[in-house]
Amino acid sequence: MERKKILITNDDGIKAKGIITLMNIAKAYGDVLVVAPDRSRSGMSSAITVEEPIRLKKHNDEIGFETYSCTGTPVDCVKLAFDKLLDRAPDLILSGINHGSNSSVSVHYSGTMGAVIEGCIHEIPSVGFSLCDWQFDADFSHFESYIQRIIEQVLLHGLPVGTCLNVNAPKGALEGIEICRQGNGRWVEEFDKRTDPHSRDYYWITGYYQNLDNGSTDTDNHILETRKVSIVPIKVDLTDHAFLPKLKEWEL
């Protein structure tokens, strides 16, 4: 397969085990440019930095492999790569491997997927990878062969303009891969009220996920429970096309 130009980022930071694993996988398929946050930027969604300067630091520069850290968000990393670092548009954008699930509605909060959606806006095939394990030393070895297969298929077939992929895997041994839809659920955000040493109140989010699939077997929630890798195609266009005709009937 012809070597490609691949851009990699994440939201766990340049030193995270997940992105190091993804770098090593991607090197087999092309010249790799890594631009990742200099620290954890989880939960950033599609946030961009607008009120302070952004700084880039080069960590590695060799033929076919460059790495930079960025003081901004995952989306900042993608934007900076396009504007300042890439000599041509990449053939593929990869984000992750995230430490923790980005299935179901978590796609809306995820910095990992925010970067993927930004790549999709640039009309580049983009894929986000996440493992359902928050540990800093998470074991990605069972997931690696599936990531390789997905990369190969995306490079071979491409993706429709405006569509990207959200890929999640349970931790441990895996029993296959399945294409499915986004699960239904919500985060119940229970804030723990605490008091600092200066007697000032503050709040720490301690929410939990509420599965609302109601027994559906075609969602990423269910697929992950069956120990399979889930692939959900995500669209940048958030328009509810089915509701458009009904909305036009309103007397506005």
Protein backbone atom coordinates (compact mmCIF):
# COMPACT_ATOMS: atom_id res chain seq x y z
CA MET A 1 0.00 0.00 0.00
CA GLU A 2 1.33 3.46 -0.93
CA ARG A 3 2.56 5.42 2.09
CA LYS A 4 0.17 8.14 3.16
CA LYS A 5 0.27 11.31 5.24
CA ILE A 6 -1.38 10.69 8.62
CA LEU A 7 -2.22 13.30 11.28
CA ILE A 8 -2.64 12.04 14.85
CA THR A 9 -3.97 13.78 17.95
CA ASN A 10 -5.82 12.95 21.18
CA ASP A 11 -7.26 14.55 24.31
CA ASP A 12 -5.25 12.67 26.97
CA GLY A 13 -2.02 14.45 26.15
CA ILE A 14 1.18 13.80 24.21
CA LYS A 15 2.57 11.41 26.87
CA ALA A 16 -0.51 9.17 27.13
CA LYS A 17 0.03 5.46 26.47
CA GLY A 18 -2.91 5.45 24.07
CA ILE A 19 -1.48 7.95 21.62
CA ILE A 20 1.95 6.29 21.76
CA THR A 21 0.29 3.01 20.80
CA LEU A 22 -1.57 4.70 17.95
CA MET A 23 1.63 6.36 16.68
CA ASN A 24 3.38 3.01 16.50
CA ILE A 25 0.48 1.45 14.60
CA ALA A 26 0.18 4.35 12.13
CA LYS A 27 3.89 4.37 11.22
CA ALA A 28 3.31 1.21 9.17
CA TYR A 29 0.91 3.05 6.85
CA GLY A 30 2.49 6.42 6.20
CA ASP A 31 4.40 9.50 7.26
CA VAL A 32 3.05 10.54 10.64
CA LEU A 33 2.59 14.02 12.08
CA VAL A 34 1.51 14.10 15.73
CA VAL A 35 0.09 17.28 17.25
CA ALA A 36 -1.40 16.60 20.68
CA PRO A 37 -2.20 18.58 23.84
CA ASP A 38 0.65 19.01 26.30
CA ARG A 39 -1.61 17.72 29.10
CA SER A 40 -4.99 16.07 29.54
CA ARG A 41 -7.75 17.98 27.76
CA SER A 42 -10.56 15.46 28.20
CA GLY A 43 -14.14 16.69 27.87
CA MET A 44 -13.16 19.56 25.58
CA SER A 45 -15.54 18.51 22.78
CA SER A 46 -14.96 20.97 19.90
CA ALA A 47 -13.65 23.78 22.10
CA ILE A 48 -11.06 26.18 20.69
CA THR A 49 -8.73 28.57 22.49
CA VAL A 50 -9.66 32.22 21.95
CA GLU A 51 -8.56 34.15 25.06
CA GLU A 52 -4.89 33.19 25.40
CA PRO A 53 -1.96 32.39 23.10
CA ILE A 54 -1.29 28.84 21.95
CA ARG A 55 2.24 27.45 21.99
CA LEU A 56 3.75 24.56 20.06
CA LYS A 57 6.74 22.49 21.19
CA LYS A 58 8.57 20.11 18.85
CA HIS A 59 9.51 16.79 20.46
CA ASN A 60 10.68 14.68 17.55
CA ASP A 61 11.63 15.39 13.94
CA GLU A 62 12.83 12.58 11.75
CA ILE A 63 12.05 11.45 8.24
CA GLY A 64 8.45 10.30 8.17
CA PHE A 65 7.73 11.08 11.83
CA GLU A 66 7.23 14.41 13.64
CA THR A 67 5.69 15.08 17.05
CA TYR A 68 4.54 18.33 18.64
CA SER A 69 2.73 19.22 21.84
CA CYS A 70 0.26 22.09 21.95
CA THR A 71 -1.00 24.15 24.88
CA GLY A 72 -4.48 24.25 23.34
CA THR A 73 -7.37 21.83 22.86
CA PRO A 74 -7.56 18.81 20.53
CA VAL A 75 -9.35 20.94 17.93
CA ASP A 76 -6.63 23.57 18.25
CA CYS A 77 -4.12 20.81 17.48
CA VAL A 78 -5.88 19.90 14.23
CA LYS A 79 -6.31 23.53 13.19
CA LEU A 80 -2.64 24.35 13.87
CA ALA A 81 -1.52 21.30 11.93
CA PHE A 82 -3.49 22.38 8.87
CA ASP A 83 -2.47 26.02 9.06
CA LYS A 84 1.20 25.79 10.11
CA LEU A 85 2.65 22.30 9.93
CA LEU A 86 1.28 20.27 7.05
CA ASP A 87 2.76 20.72 3.58
CA ARG A 88 -0.36 19.12 2.08
CA ALA A 89 -3.71 17.82 3.28
CA PRO A 90 -3.37 14.52 5.15
CA ASP A 91 -4.88 11.35 3.78
CA LEU A 92 -6.14 10.33 7.21
CA ILE A 93 -6.73 11.82 10.65
CA LEU A 94 -6.65 9.58 13.72
CA SER A 95 -7.53 10.56 17.28
CA GLY A 96 -6.87 8.52 20.42
CA ILE A 97 -6.47 5.90 21.57
CA ASN A 98 -8.60 7.45 24.30
CA HIS A 99 -8.35 6.16 27.85
CA GLY A 100 -12.08 5.66 28.49
CA SER A 101 -15.24 5.12 26.48
CA ASN A 102 -16.60 7.65 24.00
CA SER A 103 -19.68 5.63 23.10
CA SER A 104 -23.28 6.84 23.07
CA VAL A 105 -23.79 10.51 24.03
CA SER A 106 -20.20 10.81 25.26
CA VAL A 107 -19.35 11.62 21.64
CA HIS A 108 -20.76 15.10 22.30
CA TYR A 109 -18.37 15.81 25.18
CA SER A 110 -15.28 14.04 23.91
CA GLY A 111 -12.16 15.96 22.98
CA THR A 112 -11.04 12.86 21.10
CA MET A 113 -14.11 13.02 18.90
CA GLY A 114 -14.04 16.82 18.74
CA ALA A 115 -10.73 16.49 16.87
CA VAL A 116 -12.23 13.81 14.61
CA ILE A 117 -15.18 16.03 13.75
CA GLU A 118 -12.79 18.90 13.01
CA GLY A 119 -10.95 16.63 10.59
CA CYS A 120 -14.27 15.73 9.03
CA ILE A 121 -15.06 19.43 8.56
CA HIS A 122 -11.81 19.63 6.59
CA GLU A 123 -13.18 16.78 4.43
CA ILE A 124 -10.46 14.35 5.51
CA PRO A 125 -11.32 10.73 6.44
CA SER A 126 -11.17 10.81 10.25
CA VAL A 127 -11.47 8.13 12.93
CA GLY A 128 -11.55 8.25 16.72
CA PHE A 129 -10.43 5.24 18.79
CA SER A 130 -11.34 4.71 22.45
CA LEU A 131 -10.83 1.89 24.95
CA CYS A 132 -13.20 1.46 27.89
CA ASP A 133 -10.40 1.68 30.43
CA TRP A 134 -9.54 4.91 32.24
CA GLN A 135 -6.26 3.60 33.71
CA PHE A 136 -3.08 5.42 32.64
CA ASP A 137 -1.42 2.05 31.99
CA ALA A 138 -4.38 0.54 30.13
CA ASP A 139 -3.66 -2.54 27.99
CA PHE A 140 -4.33 -1.71 24.32
CA SER A 141 -2.84 -4.92 22.92
CA HIS A 142 -6.17 -6.68 22.25
CA PHE A 143 -7.41 -3.62 20.34
CA GLU A 144 -4.39 -3.12 18.08
CA SER A 145 -5.24 -5.61 15.33
CA TYR A 146 -8.72 -4.12 15.00
CA ILE A 147 -7.28 -0.62 14.70
CA GLN A 148 -4.98 -1.86 11.94
CA ARG A 149 -7.90 -3.39 10.04
CA ILE A 150 -9.97 -0.21 10.32
CA ILE A 151 -7.09 2.00 9.16
CA GLU A 152 -6.52 -0.26 6.17
CA GLN A 153 -10.19 -0.23 5.18
CA VAL A 154 -10.53 3.55 5.54
CA LEU A 155 -7.41 4.09 3.42
CA LEU A 156 -8.78 1.64 0.85
CA HIS A 157 -12.39 2.85 0.67
CA GLY A 158 -12.33 6.36 2.12
CA LEU A 159 -15.33 7.89 3.91
CA PRO A 160 -18.19 10.04 2.61
CA VAL A 161 -17.63 13.77 2.93
CA GLY A 162 -19.16 14.84 6.22
CA THR A 163 -18.94 11.40 7.84
CA CYS A 164 -16.38 10.15 10.37
CA LEU A 165 -16.08 7.06 12.56
CA ASN A 166 -16.38 6.63 16.32
CA VAL A 167 -14.70 3.35 17.32
CA ASN A 168 -14.88 1.97 20.87
CA ALA A 169 -13.64 -1.26 22.43
CA PRO A 170 -14.16 -2.92 25.81
CA LYS A 171 -11.00 -3.65 27.77
CA GLY A 172 -9.56 -7.14 27.70
CA ALA A 173 -10.00 -9.89 25.13
CA LEU A 174 -12.28 -9.01 22.22
CA GLU A 175 -14.77 -11.18 20.36
CA GLY A 176 -15.17 -9.39 17.04
CA ILE A 177 -16.29 -6.12 15.56
CA GLU A 178 -19.71 -4.76 14.66
CA ILE A 179 -21.06 -1.68 12.91
CA CYS A 180 -23.95 -0.15 14.83
CA ARG A 181 -25.78 3.02 15.78
CA GLN A 182 -25.15 5.42 18.64
CA GLY A 183 -26.71 4.31 21.88
CA ASN A 184 -29.30 6.32 23.78
CA GLY A 185 -28.48 7.59 27.23
CA ARG A 186 -27.43 10.56 29.29
CA TRP A 187 -24.99 11.53 31.99
CA VAL A 188 -26.64 12.19 35.34
CA GLU A 189 -24.41 14.94 36.65
CA GLU A 190 -24.21 14.69 40.41
CA PHE A 191 -21.93 17.41 41.75
CA ASP A 192 -20.11 16.75 45.02
CA LYS A 193 -20.06 19.95 47.10
CA ARG A 194 -16.77 20.49 48.91
CA THR A 195 -15.07 23.25 50.89
CA ASP A 196 -11.52 24.48 50.28
CA PRO A 197 -9.02 25.50 53.04
CA HIS A 198 -10.29 29.09 52.78
CA SER A 199 -13.86 27.96 53.63
CA ARG A 200 -15.07 28.58 50.07
CA ASP A 201 -17.45 26.12 48.48
CA TYR A 202 -16.62 24.38 45.22
CA TYR A 203 -18.09 21.50 43.21
CA TRP A 204 -16.56 18.36 41.70
CA ILE A 205 -18.50 16.52 39.01
CA THR A 206 -19.19 12.87 39.91
CA GLY A 207 -21.88 11.94 37.38
CA TYR A 208 -22.76 8.48 36.12
CA TYR A 209 -24.04 7.21 32.79
CA GLN A 210 -27.70 6.19 32.46
CA ASN A 211 -28.36 3.71 29.64
CA LEU A 212 -31.70 4.44 27.92
CA ASP A 213 -31.49 1.89 25.10
CA ASN A 214 -34.45 -0.06 26.55
CA GLY A 215 -33.12 -3.41 25.43
CA SER A 216 -32.03 -2.42 21.91
CA THR A 217 -29.36 -4.73 20.50
CA ASP A 218 -28.15 -2.56 17.61
CA THR A 219 -26.37 0.16 19.63
CA ASP A 220 -22.78 0.72 20.68
CA ASN A 221 -23.88 0.30 24.31
CA HIS A 222 -25.01 -3.25 23.59
CA ILE A 223 -22.14 -4.17 21.26
CA LEU A 224 -19.57 -3.21 23.89
CA GLU A 225 -21.39 -5.38 26.44
CA THR A 226 -20.95 -8.36 24.09
CA ARG A 227 -17.15 -7.77 24.15
CA LYS A 228 -17.03 -6.55 20.56
CA VAL A 229 -15.53 -3.43 19.01
CA SER A 230 -18.25 -0.95 18.01
CA ILE A 231 -18.06 1.31 14.95
CA VAL A 232 -20.56 4.15 14.66
CA PRO A 233 -20.57 6.46 11.61
CA ILE A 234 -21.01 10.06 12.76
CA LYS A 235 -22.16 13.00 10.62
CA VAL A 236 -21.05 16.61 10.95
CA ASP A 237 -24.44 17.79 9.69
CA LEU A 238 -26.71 17.92 12.77
CA THR A 239 -29.80 18.90 10.80
CA ASP A 240 -32.90 16.80 11.55
CA HIS A 241 -33.81 16.27 7.90
CA ALA A 242 -36.84 14.12 8.78
CA PHE A 243 -38.35 16.94 10.86
CA LEU A 244 -37.62 19.73 8.35
CA PRO A 245 -40.90 19.36 6.39
CA LYS A 246 -42.97 19.35 9.60
CA LEU A 247 -41.16 22.41 10.94
CA LYS A 248 -41.92 24.27 7.68
CA GLU A 249 -45.62 23.71 8.37
CA TRP A 250 -45.47 25.81 11.53
CA GLU A 251 -47.13 29.22 11.34
CA LEU A 252 -44.04 31.28 12.05
